[in-house]
Amino acid sequence: MAGESPVKQRLLELAIQSIDESGEAGIRVNQLAEAAGVTLPTLYHHFGSREGLVEEAQAERFIRAFRTDVENLLAALADCKSKKDLVRELRRLFAARRETERSLVRWQRVNALGASYARPTLAEKIVRAHDELVTQVALALLPFQRQGFIRQDIDLRAVVAWYNGSVIGKNLIEISNSSVDAHEWDRTLDEAVFAVLFGPET
């Protein structure tokens, strides 16, 4: 959202809040425009239509936390000088992403993905934004792969995308009283990811 006009950002935030509270049906463009202190034509100028506003809001709901996670990862990687540093920082960041408090973020992503069904424009926005962040992370990990800290025979973009999908998948055991132990789920994912990245000895 960097570089967007303050008015557009305010409208987008109000739309996201409405979806979080009441679903897409809660978006009333007249009320949103009024709450943002703008006219309805101003809203349409920025988003084209109500559907355009909904799609932008859903895409932002999907990608926002990923963006923050990538920023945190890049900052952590900048301080890594050894494989030990890299493993330690990845473990710390992975644990933070799976915290129970992040359950709402995971639900927002699943909801946004569901909203993209039969909406090719929204699906394209989500995929494009996700691909950009996946590429950013893969490029940040590439120097470590070149130094031999990370296995040479893996596609970093595929690993990052797989990991993101796995974290979103935690919703399946958070829905209700799942018989799957969340801590075991976390441990299994960590073991799998670290084996893929570093080999079975890590």
N, C-alpha and C. Protein backbone atom coordinates (compact mmCIF):
# COMPACT_ATOMS: atom_id res chain seq x y z
N MET A 1 0.80 -1.20 0.00
CA MET A 1 0.00 0.00 0.00
C MET A 1 0.85 1.26 0.00
N ALA A 2 2.17 1.14 0.02
CA ALA A 2 3.04 2.29 -0.01
C ALA A 2 2.81 3.07 -1.29
N GLY A 3 2.78 4.38 -1.18
CA GLY A 3 2.59 5.21 -2.36
C GLY A 3 1.13 5.47 -2.69
N GLU A 4 0.20 4.79 -2.03
CA GLU A 4 -1.22 5.02 -2.28
C GLU A 4 -1.64 6.35 -1.65
N SER A 5 -2.69 6.94 -2.19
CA SER A 5 -3.17 8.19 -1.62
C SER A 5 -3.76 7.92 -0.24
N PRO A 6 -3.66 8.91 0.67
CA PRO A 6 -4.24 8.72 2.02
C PRO A 6 -5.73 8.41 1.98
N VAL A 7 -6.46 9.02 1.04
CA VAL A 7 -7.90 8.76 0.94
C VAL A 7 -8.15 7.31 0.56
N LYS A 8 -7.42 6.83 -0.43
CA LYS A 8 -7.59 5.44 -0.87
C LYS A 8 -7.24 4.48 0.27
N GLN A 9 -6.17 4.76 0.98
CA GLN A 9 -5.78 3.91 2.10
C GLN A 9 -6.86 3.89 3.18
N ARG A 10 -7.43 5.07 3.47
CA ARG A 10 -8.47 5.14 4.50
C ARG A 10 -9.69 4.32 4.08
N LEU A 11 -10.10 4.46 2.83
CA LEU A 11 -11.23 3.67 2.34
C LEU A 11 -10.93 2.18 2.40
N LEU A 12 -9.72 1.81 2.03
CA LEU A 12 -9.33 0.40 2.05
C LEU A 12 -9.35 -0.15 3.47
N GLU A 13 -8.83 0.63 4.42
CA GLU A 13 -8.84 0.18 5.83
C GLU A 13 -10.26 0.00 6.34
N LEU A 14 -11.14 0.91 5.98
CA LEU A 14 -12.53 0.79 6.41
C LEU A 14 -13.20 -0.44 5.79
N ALA A 15 -12.87 -0.72 4.54
CA ALA A 15 -13.42 -1.91 3.87
C ALA A 15 -12.91 -3.18 4.54
N ILE A 16 -11.62 -3.22 4.85
CA ILE A 16 -11.05 -4.39 5.53
C ILE A 16 -11.72 -4.59 6.88
N GLN A 17 -11.89 -3.51 7.62
CA GLN A 17 -12.55 -3.59 8.93
C GLN A 17 -13.97 -4.12 8.78
N SER A 18 -14.68 -3.66 7.75
CA SER A 18 -16.05 -4.12 7.53
C SER A 18 -16.09 -5.61 7.22
N ILE A 19 -15.16 -6.08 6.38
CA ILE A 19 -15.12 -7.51 6.05
C ILE A 19 -14.79 -8.32 7.29
N ASP A 20 -13.82 -7.85 8.08
CA ASP A 20 -13.44 -8.57 9.30
C ASP A 20 -14.61 -8.68 10.27
N GLU A 21 -15.42 -7.64 10.34
CA GLU A 21 -16.52 -7.61 11.31
C GLU A 21 -17.80 -8.27 10.80
N SER A 22 -18.11 -8.08 9.51
CA SER A 22 -19.42 -8.52 9.01
C SER A 22 -19.37 -9.29 7.71
N GLY A 23 -18.18 -9.60 7.20
CA GLY A 23 -18.08 -10.25 5.91
C GLY A 23 -18.27 -9.23 4.80
N GLU A 24 -18.20 -9.69 3.58
CA GLU A 24 -18.33 -8.80 2.43
C GLU A 24 -19.67 -8.09 2.40
N ALA A 25 -20.70 -8.76 2.92
CA ALA A 25 -22.04 -8.15 2.93
C ALA A 25 -22.06 -6.87 3.76
N GLY A 26 -21.09 -6.73 4.67
CA GLY A 26 -21.03 -5.54 5.53
C GLY A 26 -20.51 -4.31 4.83
N ILE A 27 -20.00 -4.45 3.62
CA ILE A 27 -19.48 -3.29 2.89
C ILE A 27 -20.63 -2.55 2.23
N ARG A 28 -20.91 -1.39 2.77
CA ARG A 28 -21.91 -0.47 2.22
C ARG A 28 -21.15 0.76 1.75
N VAL A 29 -21.06 0.93 0.45
CA VAL A 29 -20.18 1.98 -0.09
C VAL A 29 -20.59 3.37 0.38
N ASN A 30 -21.88 3.63 0.51
CA ASN A 30 -22.31 4.95 0.99
C ASN A 30 -21.79 5.21 2.40
N GLN A 31 -21.94 4.21 3.27
CA GLN A 31 -21.49 4.36 4.65
C GLN A 31 -19.97 4.47 4.73
N LEU A 32 -19.25 3.69 3.90
CA LEU A 32 -17.79 3.76 3.91
C LEU A 32 -17.31 5.14 3.45
N ALA A 33 -17.91 5.63 2.39
CA ALA A 33 -17.51 6.95 1.90
C ALA A 33 -17.76 8.01 2.96
N GLU A 34 -18.91 7.92 3.60
CA GLU A 34 -19.23 8.89 4.66
C GLU A 34 -18.25 8.78 5.82
N ALA A 35 -17.96 7.55 6.23
CA ALA A 35 -17.02 7.35 7.34
C ALA A 35 -15.62 7.85 7.01
N ALA A 36 -15.26 7.78 5.73
CA ALA A 36 -13.94 8.25 5.29
C ALA A 36 -13.93 9.75 5.03
N GLY A 37 -15.12 10.37 5.07
CA GLY A 37 -15.20 11.80 4.85
C GLY A 37 -15.05 12.19 3.39
N VAL A 38 -15.49 11.29 2.49
CA VAL A 38 -15.40 11.57 1.06
C VAL A 38 -16.75 11.31 0.41
N THR A 39 -16.85 11.69 -0.85
CA THR A 39 -18.08 11.44 -1.60
C THR A 39 -18.00 10.07 -2.26
N LEU A 40 -19.17 9.58 -2.65
CA LEU A 40 -19.22 8.29 -3.34
C LEU A 40 -18.43 8.30 -4.65
N PRO A 41 -18.50 9.38 -5.44
CA PRO A 41 -17.67 9.41 -6.66
C PRO A 41 -16.17 9.28 -6.36
N THR A 42 -15.73 9.78 -5.21
CA THR A 42 -14.31 9.64 -4.85
C THR A 42 -13.97 8.18 -4.62
N LEU A 43 -14.86 7.47 -3.95
CA LEU A 43 -14.63 6.03 -3.74
C LEU A 43 -14.54 5.31 -5.08
N TYR A 44 -15.47 5.62 -5.98
CA TYR A 44 -15.46 4.97 -7.29
C TYR A 44 -14.24 5.38 -8.12
N HIS A 45 -13.78 6.60 -7.93
CA HIS A 45 -12.56 7.03 -8.62
C HIS A 45 -11.39 6.13 -8.25
N HIS A 46 -11.27 5.77 -6.98
CA HIS A 46 -10.14 4.96 -6.51
C HIS A 46 -10.30 3.47 -6.80
N PHE A 47 -11.53 2.98 -6.79
CA PHE A 47 -11.72 1.52 -6.90
C PHE A 47 -12.57 1.08 -8.08
N GLY A 48 -13.19 2.02 -8.77
CA GLY A 48 -13.97 1.68 -9.95
C GLY A 48 -15.39 1.26 -9.64
N SER A 49 -15.56 0.46 -8.59
CA SER A 49 -16.88 -0.08 -8.24
C SER A 49 -16.80 -0.66 -6.84
N ARG A 50 -17.94 -1.07 -6.32
CA ARG A 50 -17.95 -1.76 -5.03
C ARG A 50 -17.12 -3.04 -5.12
N GLU A 51 -17.29 -3.78 -6.23
CA GLU A 51 -16.54 -5.02 -6.42
C GLU A 51 -15.04 -4.75 -6.45
N GLY A 52 -14.64 -3.65 -7.08
CA GLY A 52 -13.22 -3.30 -7.10
C GLY A 52 -12.69 -3.04 -5.70
N LEU A 53 -13.50 -2.39 -4.87
CA LEU A 53 -13.12 -2.14 -3.48
C LEU A 53 -13.01 -3.45 -2.70
N VAL A 54 -13.98 -4.33 -2.88
CA VAL A 54 -13.96 -5.62 -2.19
C VAL A 54 -12.71 -6.41 -2.58
N GLU A 55 -12.41 -6.45 -3.86
CA GLU A 55 -11.24 -7.21 -4.32
C GLU A 55 -9.94 -6.65 -3.75
N GLU A 56 -9.81 -5.33 -3.75
CA GLU A 56 -8.60 -4.71 -3.18
C GLU A 56 -8.49 -5.04 -1.70
N ALA A 57 -9.62 -4.96 -0.98
CA ALA A 57 -9.61 -5.23 0.45
C ALA A 57 -9.25 -6.69 0.72
N GLN A 58 -9.83 -7.61 -0.03
CA GLN A 58 -9.53 -9.03 0.17
C GLN A 58 -8.07 -9.33 -0.15
N ALA A 59 -7.56 -8.76 -1.24
CA ALA A 59 -6.16 -8.99 -1.59
C ALA A 59 -5.24 -8.48 -0.48
N GLU A 60 -5.57 -7.31 0.06
CA GLU A 60 -4.75 -6.75 1.14
C GLU A 60 -4.85 -7.59 2.40
N ARG A 61 -6.05 -8.11 2.70
CA ARG A 61 -6.21 -8.98 3.87
C ARG A 61 -5.33 -10.22 3.74
N PHE A 62 -5.23 -10.73 2.51
CA PHE A 62 -4.42 -11.93 2.32
C PHE A 62 -2.93 -11.65 2.50
N ILE A 63 -2.45 -10.55 1.97
CA ILE A 63 -1.01 -10.36 1.85
C ILE A 63 -0.38 -9.52 2.97
N ARG A 64 -1.17 -8.77 3.70
CA ARG A 64 -0.62 -7.80 4.67
C ARG A 64 0.34 -8.43 5.67
N ALA A 65 -0.07 -9.49 6.34
CA ALA A 65 0.80 -10.09 7.35
C ALA A 65 2.02 -10.73 6.71
N PHE A 66 1.89 -11.27 5.50
CA PHE A 66 3.05 -11.81 4.80
C PHE A 66 4.09 -10.71 4.60
N ARG A 67 3.62 -9.53 4.23
CA ARG A 67 4.52 -8.41 3.99
C ARG A 67 5.33 -8.11 5.25
N THR A 68 4.66 -8.06 6.39
CA THR A 68 5.35 -7.80 7.66
C THR A 68 6.30 -8.93 8.00
N ASP A 69 5.87 -10.17 7.77
CA ASP A 69 6.74 -11.32 8.03
C ASP A 69 8.01 -11.25 7.19
N VAL A 70 7.88 -10.85 5.93
CA VAL A 70 9.04 -10.75 5.04
C VAL A 70 9.99 -9.66 5.53
N GLU A 71 9.45 -8.53 5.94
CA GLU A 71 10.29 -7.46 6.48
C GLU A 71 11.08 -7.94 7.69
N ASN A 72 10.41 -8.67 8.58
CA ASN A 72 11.08 -9.20 9.77
C ASN A 72 12.16 -10.22 9.39
N LEU A 73 11.85 -11.06 8.41
CA LEU A 73 12.81 -12.06 7.95
C LEU A 73 14.04 -11.40 7.35
N LEU A 74 13.84 -10.41 6.48
CA LEU A 74 14.97 -9.75 5.84
C LEU A 74 15.86 -9.07 6.88
N ALA A 75 15.24 -8.46 7.89
CA ALA A 75 16.03 -7.82 8.95
C ALA A 75 16.84 -8.86 9.72
N ALA A 76 16.23 -10.01 10.01
CA ALA A 76 16.92 -11.07 10.75
C ALA A 76 18.05 -11.68 9.92
N LEU A 77 17.81 -11.88 8.63
CA LEU A 77 18.83 -12.49 7.77
C LEU A 77 20.06 -11.60 7.63
N ALA A 78 19.85 -10.30 7.70
CA ALA A 78 20.97 -9.36 7.55
C ALA A 78 22.03 -9.56 8.62
N ASP A 79 21.63 -10.10 9.77
CA ASP A 79 22.57 -10.30 10.88
C ASP A 79 23.16 -11.71 10.93
N CYS A 80 22.75 -12.58 10.02
CA CYS A 80 23.22 -13.97 10.04
C CYS A 80 24.57 -14.09 9.34
N LYS A 81 25.55 -14.60 10.08
CA LYS A 81 26.90 -14.76 9.53
C LYS A 81 27.31 -16.22 9.38
N SER A 82 26.51 -17.12 9.92
CA SER A 82 26.85 -18.54 9.88
C SER A 82 25.57 -19.36 9.71
N LYS A 83 25.74 -20.63 9.43
CA LYS A 83 24.59 -21.53 9.32
C LYS A 83 23.85 -21.61 10.66
N LYS A 84 24.61 -21.60 11.73
CA LYS A 84 24.01 -21.65 13.07
C LYS A 84 23.11 -20.42 13.29
N ASP A 85 23.59 -19.24 12.89
CA ASP A 85 22.79 -18.01 13.01
C ASP A 85 21.51 -18.15 12.18
N LEU A 86 21.65 -18.65 10.96
CA LEU A 86 20.52 -18.78 10.06
C LEU A 86 19.46 -19.72 10.62
N VAL A 87 19.89 -20.88 11.10
CA VAL A 87 18.95 -21.84 11.67
C VAL A 87 18.24 -21.24 12.88
N ARG A 88 19.01 -20.58 13.75
CA ARG A 88 18.42 -19.98 14.95
C ARG A 88 17.35 -18.94 14.60
N GLU A 89 17.67 -18.05 13.66
CA GLU A 89 16.73 -16.99 13.30
C GLU A 89 15.49 -17.55 12.59
N LEU A 90 15.67 -18.54 11.74
CA LEU A 90 14.51 -19.14 11.07
C LEU A 90 13.60 -19.84 12.08
N ARG A 91 14.19 -20.54 13.04
CA ARG A 91 13.38 -21.19 14.07
C ARG A 91 12.57 -20.15 14.86
N ARG A 92 13.20 -19.06 15.20
CA ARG A 92 12.52 -18.01 15.96
C ARG A 92 11.37 -17.40 15.15
N LEU A 93 11.64 -17.10 13.89
CA LEU A 93 10.61 -16.49 13.05
C LEU A 93 9.48 -17.46 12.74
N PHE A 94 9.81 -18.73 12.52
CA PHE A 94 8.78 -19.73 12.26
C PHE A 94 7.85 -19.86 13.46
N ALA A 95 8.43 -19.90 14.65
CA ALA A 95 7.63 -20.03 15.87
C ALA A 95 6.68 -18.84 16.02
N ALA A 96 7.17 -17.65 15.72
CA ALA A 96 6.35 -16.45 15.85
C ALA A 96 5.16 -16.49 14.88
N ARG A 97 5.38 -17.02 13.67
CA ARG A 97 4.30 -17.07 12.68
C ARG A 97 3.19 -18.04 13.06
N ARG A 98 3.51 -19.04 13.86
CA ARG A 98 2.52 -20.06 14.18
C ARG A 98 1.81 -19.81 15.50
N GLU A 99 2.15 -18.74 16.19
CA GLU A 99 1.53 -18.49 17.49
C GLU A 99 0.01 -18.48 17.40
N THR A 100 -0.62 -18.87 18.48
CA THR A 100 -2.09 -18.90 18.54
C THR A 100 -2.67 -17.53 18.23
N GLU A 101 -1.97 -16.48 18.68
CA GLU A 101 -2.47 -15.12 18.45
C GLU A 101 -2.56 -14.80 16.95
N ARG A 102 -1.82 -15.54 16.14
CA ARG A 102 -1.85 -15.30 14.69
C ARG A 102 -2.97 -16.07 14.00
N SER A 103 -3.78 -16.76 14.77
CA SER A 103 -4.87 -17.54 14.18
C SER A 103 -5.79 -16.67 13.34
N LEU A 104 -6.11 -15.47 13.82
CA LEU A 104 -7.00 -14.57 13.08
C LEU A 104 -6.39 -14.22 11.72
N VAL A 105 -5.09 -13.99 11.69
CA VAL A 105 -4.41 -13.67 10.43
C VAL A 105 -4.56 -14.84 9.46
N ARG A 106 -4.37 -16.07 9.96
CA ARG A 106 -4.52 -17.24 9.10
C ARG A 106 -5.95 -17.35 8.58
N TRP A 107 -6.94 -17.03 9.43
CA TRP A 107 -8.33 -17.07 9.00
C TRP A 107 -8.60 -16.02 7.94
N GLN A 108 -8.02 -14.83 8.08
CA GLN A 108 -8.21 -13.79 7.07
C GLN A 108 -7.69 -14.27 5.72
N ARG A 109 -6.55 -14.95 5.73
CA ARG A 109 -5.99 -15.45 4.47
C ARG A 109 -6.90 -16.50 3.83
N VAL A 110 -7.39 -17.43 4.64
CA VAL A 110 -8.28 -18.46 4.10
C VAL A 110 -9.55 -17.82 3.55
N ASN A 111 -10.08 -16.85 4.28
CA ASN A 111 -11.29 -16.15 3.84
C ASN A 111 -11.04 -15.43 2.52
N ALA A 112 -9.89 -14.76 2.40
CA ALA A 112 -9.58 -14.05 1.16
C ALA A 112 -9.40 -15.03 0.00
N LEU A 113 -8.76 -16.16 0.28
CA LEU A 113 -8.62 -17.18 -0.77
C LEU A 113 -9.98 -17.68 -1.22
N GLY A 114 -10.86 -17.93 -0.26
CA GLY A 114 -12.22 -18.37 -0.59
C GLY A 114 -12.96 -17.33 -1.42
N ALA A 115 -12.72 -16.06 -1.11
CA ALA A 115 -13.37 -14.98 -1.85
C ALA A 115 -12.89 -14.91 -3.29
N SER A 116 -11.71 -15.48 -3.56
CA SER A 116 -11.17 -15.43 -4.93
C SER A 116 -11.81 -16.48 -5.85
N TYR A 117 -12.61 -17.39 -5.26
CA TYR A 117 -13.29 -18.39 -6.07
C TYR A 117 -14.23 -17.68 -7.04
N ALA A 118 -14.12 -17.98 -8.30
CA ALA A 118 -14.94 -17.36 -9.36
C ALA A 118 -14.67 -15.87 -9.51
N ARG A 119 -13.56 -15.40 -8.97
CA ARG A 119 -13.14 -14.01 -9.15
C ARG A 119 -11.71 -14.01 -9.67
N PRO A 120 -11.53 -14.20 -10.94
CA PRO A 120 -10.17 -14.33 -11.49
C PRO A 120 -9.30 -13.10 -11.24
N THR A 121 -9.89 -11.93 -11.20
CA THR A 121 -9.10 -10.72 -10.95
C THR A 121 -8.52 -10.74 -9.55
N LEU A 122 -9.33 -11.12 -8.56
CA LEU A 122 -8.85 -11.21 -7.19
C LEU A 122 -7.80 -12.31 -7.07
N ALA A 123 -8.07 -13.47 -7.67
CA ALA A 123 -7.10 -14.56 -7.62
C ALA A 123 -5.76 -14.12 -8.20
N GLU A 124 -5.80 -13.39 -9.29
CA GLU A 124 -4.57 -12.91 -9.92
C GLU A 124 -3.82 -11.94 -9.00
N LYS A 125 -4.56 -11.05 -8.35
CA LYS A 125 -3.92 -10.10 -7.42
C LYS A 125 -3.24 -10.82 -6.27
N ILE A 126 -3.92 -11.81 -5.72
CA ILE A 126 -3.36 -12.56 -4.59
C ILE A 126 -2.12 -13.33 -5.04
N VAL A 127 -2.23 -14.02 -6.16
CA VAL A 127 -1.09 -14.81 -6.65
C VAL A 127 0.09 -13.91 -6.97
N ARG A 128 -0.16 -12.79 -7.62
CA ARG A 128 0.92 -11.88 -7.99
C ARG A 128 1.63 -11.33 -6.75
N ALA A 129 0.85 -10.88 -5.75
CA ALA A 129 1.44 -10.34 -4.53
C ALA A 129 2.21 -11.42 -3.77
N HIS A 130 1.64 -12.62 -3.71
CA HIS A 130 2.32 -13.71 -3.02
C HIS A 130 3.61 -14.09 -3.74
N ASP A 131 3.54 -14.18 -5.06
CA ASP A 131 4.75 -14.52 -5.84
C ASP A 131 5.86 -13.50 -5.62
N GLU A 132 5.51 -12.23 -5.55
CA GLU A 132 6.52 -11.19 -5.33
C GLU A 132 7.22 -11.38 -3.98
N LEU A 133 6.43 -11.68 -2.95
CA LEU A 133 7.03 -11.87 -1.62
C LEU A 133 7.83 -13.17 -1.55
N VAL A 134 7.32 -14.22 -2.19
CA VAL A 134 8.06 -15.49 -2.23
C VAL A 134 9.41 -15.28 -2.91
N THR A 135 9.40 -14.55 -4.01
CA THR A 135 10.65 -14.28 -4.72
C THR A 135 11.60 -13.46 -3.86
N GLN A 136 11.06 -12.49 -3.15
CA GLN A 136 11.88 -11.65 -2.27
C GLN A 136 12.58 -12.50 -1.20
N VAL A 137 11.84 -13.41 -0.59
CA VAL A 137 12.42 -14.28 0.44
C VAL A 137 13.45 -15.22 -0.19
N ALA A 138 13.10 -15.81 -1.33
CA ALA A 138 14.03 -16.73 -2.00
C ALA A 138 15.34 -16.02 -2.34
N LEU A 139 15.26 -14.80 -2.82
CA LEU A 139 16.48 -14.05 -3.16
C LEU A 139 17.29 -13.73 -1.91
N ALA A 140 16.61 -13.49 -0.79
CA ALA A 140 17.31 -13.22 0.46
C ALA A 140 18.02 -14.48 0.99
N LEU A 141 17.44 -15.65 0.70
CA LEU A 141 18.05 -16.91 1.15
C LEU A 141 19.13 -17.40 0.19
N LEU A 142 19.11 -16.91 -1.04
CA LEU A 142 20.04 -17.39 -2.06
C LEU A 142 21.51 -17.27 -1.67
N PRO A 143 21.97 -16.16 -1.07
CA PRO A 143 23.38 -16.11 -0.68
C PRO A 143 23.78 -17.22 0.30
N PHE A 144 22.83 -17.62 1.17
CA PHE A 144 23.11 -18.70 2.12
C PHE A 144 23.18 -20.04 1.38
N GLN A 145 22.38 -20.19 0.35
CA GLN A 145 22.45 -21.40 -0.46
C GLN A 145 23.79 -21.44 -1.20
N ARG A 146 24.21 -20.31 -1.73
CA ARG A 146 25.48 -20.26 -2.46
C ARG A 146 26.68 -20.52 -1.55
N GLN A 147 26.54 -20.16 -0.26
CA GLN A 147 27.62 -20.43 0.69
C GLN A 147 27.62 -21.87 1.18
N GLY A 148 26.59 -22.63 0.80
CA GLY A 148 26.52 -24.02 1.21
C GLY A 148 25.79 -24.24 2.53
N PHE A 149 25.19 -23.18 3.10
CA PHE A 149 24.43 -23.35 4.35
C PHE A 149 23.11 -24.06 4.09
N ILE A 150 22.54 -23.81 2.92
CA ILE A 150 21.27 -24.41 2.51
C ILE A 150 21.56 -25.38 1.37
N ARG A 151 20.82 -26.49 1.33
CA ARG A 151 21.03 -27.49 0.29
C ARG A 151 21.00 -26.86 -1.11
N GLN A 152 21.90 -27.33 -1.95
CA GLN A 152 22.03 -26.80 -3.31
C GLN A 152 20.96 -27.34 -4.26
N ASP A 153 20.35 -28.46 -3.91
CA ASP A 153 19.46 -29.15 -4.86
C ASP A 153 17.99 -28.79 -4.70
N ILE A 154 17.69 -27.70 -4.02
CA ILE A 154 16.28 -27.33 -3.83
C ILE A 154 15.98 -25.99 -4.49
N ASP A 155 14.74 -25.83 -4.87
CA ASP A 155 14.24 -24.59 -5.45
C ASP A 155 13.70 -23.75 -4.29
N LEU A 156 14.38 -22.66 -3.98
CA LEU A 156 14.02 -21.85 -2.82
C LEU A 156 12.61 -21.26 -2.93
N ARG A 157 12.22 -20.86 -4.12
CA ARG A 157 10.88 -20.30 -4.29
C ARG A 157 9.81 -21.36 -3.96
N ALA A 158 10.04 -22.57 -4.41
CA ALA A 158 9.07 -23.64 -4.14
C ALA A 158 9.00 -23.92 -2.64
N VAL A 159 10.13 -23.91 -1.96
CA VAL A 159 10.15 -24.18 -0.51
C VAL A 159 9.40 -23.09 0.24
N VAL A 160 9.66 -21.83 -0.11
CA VAL A 160 9.00 -20.72 0.58
C VAL A 160 7.49 -20.77 0.36
N ALA A 161 7.06 -21.02 -0.87
CA ALA A 161 5.62 -21.10 -1.17
C ALA A 161 4.98 -22.28 -0.44
N TRP A 162 5.68 -23.42 -0.41
CA TRP A 162 5.17 -24.60 0.30
C TRP A 162 5.02 -24.30 1.79
N TYR A 163 6.02 -23.66 2.36
CA TYR A 163 5.96 -23.32 3.79
C TYR A 163 4.77 -22.40 4.08
N ASN A 164 4.58 -21.36 3.25
CA ASN A 164 3.46 -20.45 3.46
C ASN A 164 2.13 -21.19 3.42
N GLY A 165 1.98 -22.07 2.45
CA GLY A 165 0.76 -22.85 2.34
C GLY A 165 0.54 -23.75 3.55
N SER A 166 1.63 -24.29 4.07
CA SER A 166 1.52 -25.15 5.25
C SER A 166 1.06 -24.37 6.46
N VAL A 167 1.58 -23.17 6.63
CA VAL A 167 1.19 -22.35 7.78
C VAL A 167 -0.29 -21.98 7.69
N ILE A 168 -0.75 -21.62 6.49
CA ILE A 168 -2.17 -21.32 6.32
C ILE A 168 -3.00 -22.56 6.67
N GLY A 169 -2.47 -23.74 6.32
CA GLY A 169 -3.18 -24.98 6.58
C GLY A 169 -3.40 -25.30 8.05
N LYS A 170 -2.71 -24.57 8.93
CA LYS A 170 -2.91 -24.81 10.36
C LYS A 170 -4.35 -24.53 10.77
N ASN A 171 -5.07 -23.74 9.95
CA ASN A 171 -6.48 -23.48 10.24
C ASN A 171 -7.30 -24.75 10.39
N LEU A 172 -6.90 -25.80 9.69
CA LEU A 172 -7.67 -27.04 9.74
C LEU A 172 -7.70 -27.67 11.12
N ILE A 173 -6.67 -27.39 11.94
CA ILE A 173 -6.71 -27.93 13.30
C ILE A 173 -7.08 -26.86 14.32
N GLU A 174 -7.34 -25.62 13.84
CA GLU A 174 -7.74 -24.55 14.74
C GLU A 174 -9.24 -24.27 14.67
N ILE A 175 -9.92 -24.90 13.74
CA ILE A 175 -11.34 -24.62 13.54
C ILE A 175 -12.14 -24.89 14.80
N SER A 176 -11.89 -26.02 15.41
CA SER A 176 -12.72 -26.46 16.53
C SER A 176 -11.88 -27.39 17.38
N ASN A 177 -12.51 -28.35 17.96
CA ASN A 177 -11.82 -29.31 18.83
C ASN A 177 -11.16 -30.40 17.99
N SER A 178 -10.12 -30.05 17.28
CA SER A 178 -9.42 -31.03 16.46
C SER A 178 -8.70 -32.04 17.35
N SER A 179 -8.62 -33.27 16.87
CA SER A 179 -7.89 -34.29 17.63
C SER A 179 -6.38 -34.18 17.41
N VAL A 180 -5.97 -33.30 16.50
CA VAL A 180 -4.54 -33.12 16.22
C VAL A 180 -3.94 -32.17 17.23
N ASP A 181 -2.84 -32.57 17.83
CA ASP A 181 -2.14 -31.74 18.80
C ASP A 181 -1.40 -30.61 18.07
N ALA A 182 -1.71 -29.36 18.40
CA ALA A 182 -1.12 -28.21 17.70
C ALA A 182 0.40 -28.16 17.87
N HIS A 183 0.90 -28.54 19.04
CA HIS A 183 2.35 -28.51 19.25
C HIS A 183 3.05 -29.57 18.40
N GLU A 184 2.42 -30.72 18.24
CA GLU A 184 2.99 -31.75 17.38
C GLU A 184 2.94 -31.32 15.91
N TRP A 185 1.86 -30.64 15.55
CA TRP A 185 1.76 -30.09 14.19
C TRP A 185 2.93 -29.13 13.93
N ASP A 186 3.16 -28.23 14.88
CA ASP A 186 4.26 -27.26 14.77
C ASP A 186 5.61 -27.97 14.64
N ARG A 187 5.82 -28.95 15.50
CA ARG A 187 7.10 -29.67 15.51
C ARG A 187 7.31 -30.42 14.19
N THR A 188 6.25 -31.03 13.69
CA THR A 188 6.35 -31.77 12.43
C THR A 188 6.68 -30.83 11.28
N LEU A 189 6.02 -29.68 11.23
CA LEU A 189 6.30 -28.73 10.16
C LEU A 189 7.74 -28.24 10.24
N ASP A 190 8.20 -27.89 11.44
CA ASP A 190 9.58 -27.44 11.59
C ASP A 190 10.56 -28.50 11.11
N GLU A 191 10.35 -29.73 11.54
CA GLU A 191 11.27 -30.81 11.15
C GLU A 191 11.30 -30.97 9.63
N ALA A 192 10.12 -30.91 9.03
CA ALA A 192 10.05 -31.08 7.57
C ALA A 192 10.76 -29.93 6.86
N VAL A 193 10.49 -28.71 7.26
CA VAL A 193 11.09 -27.55 6.59
C VAL A 193 12.60 -27.53 6.76
N PHE A 194 13.06 -27.80 7.97
CA PHE A 194 14.50 -27.75 8.20
C PHE A 194 15.22 -28.90 7.51
N ALA A 195 14.56 -30.04 7.39
CA ALA A 195 15.15 -31.14 6.64
C ALA A 195 15.27 -30.78 5.16
N VAL A 196 14.26 -30.12 4.63
CA VAL A 196 14.29 -29.71 3.23
C VAL A 196 15.38 -28.68 3.01
N LEU A 197 15.47 -27.69 3.89
CA LEU A 197 16.44 -26.62 3.72
C LEU A 197 17.88 -27.05 3.98
N PHE A 198 18.07 -27.82 5.06
CA PHE A 198 19.42 -28.06 5.54
C PHE A 198 19.87 -29.52 5.52
N GLY A 199 18.94 -30.43 5.26
CA GLY A 199 19.27 -31.84 5.34
C GLY A 199 18.82 -32.41 6.66
N PRO A 200 18.80 -33.72 6.78
CA PRO A 200 18.23 -34.38 7.97
C PRO A 200 18.99 -34.14 9.27
N GLU A 201 20.23 -33.67 9.19
CA GLU A 201 21.01 -33.53 10.42
C GLU A 201 20.67 -32.31 11.23
N THR A 202 19.91 -31.35 10.68
CA THR A 202 19.64 -30.10 11.39
C THR A 202 18.59 -30.27 12.45
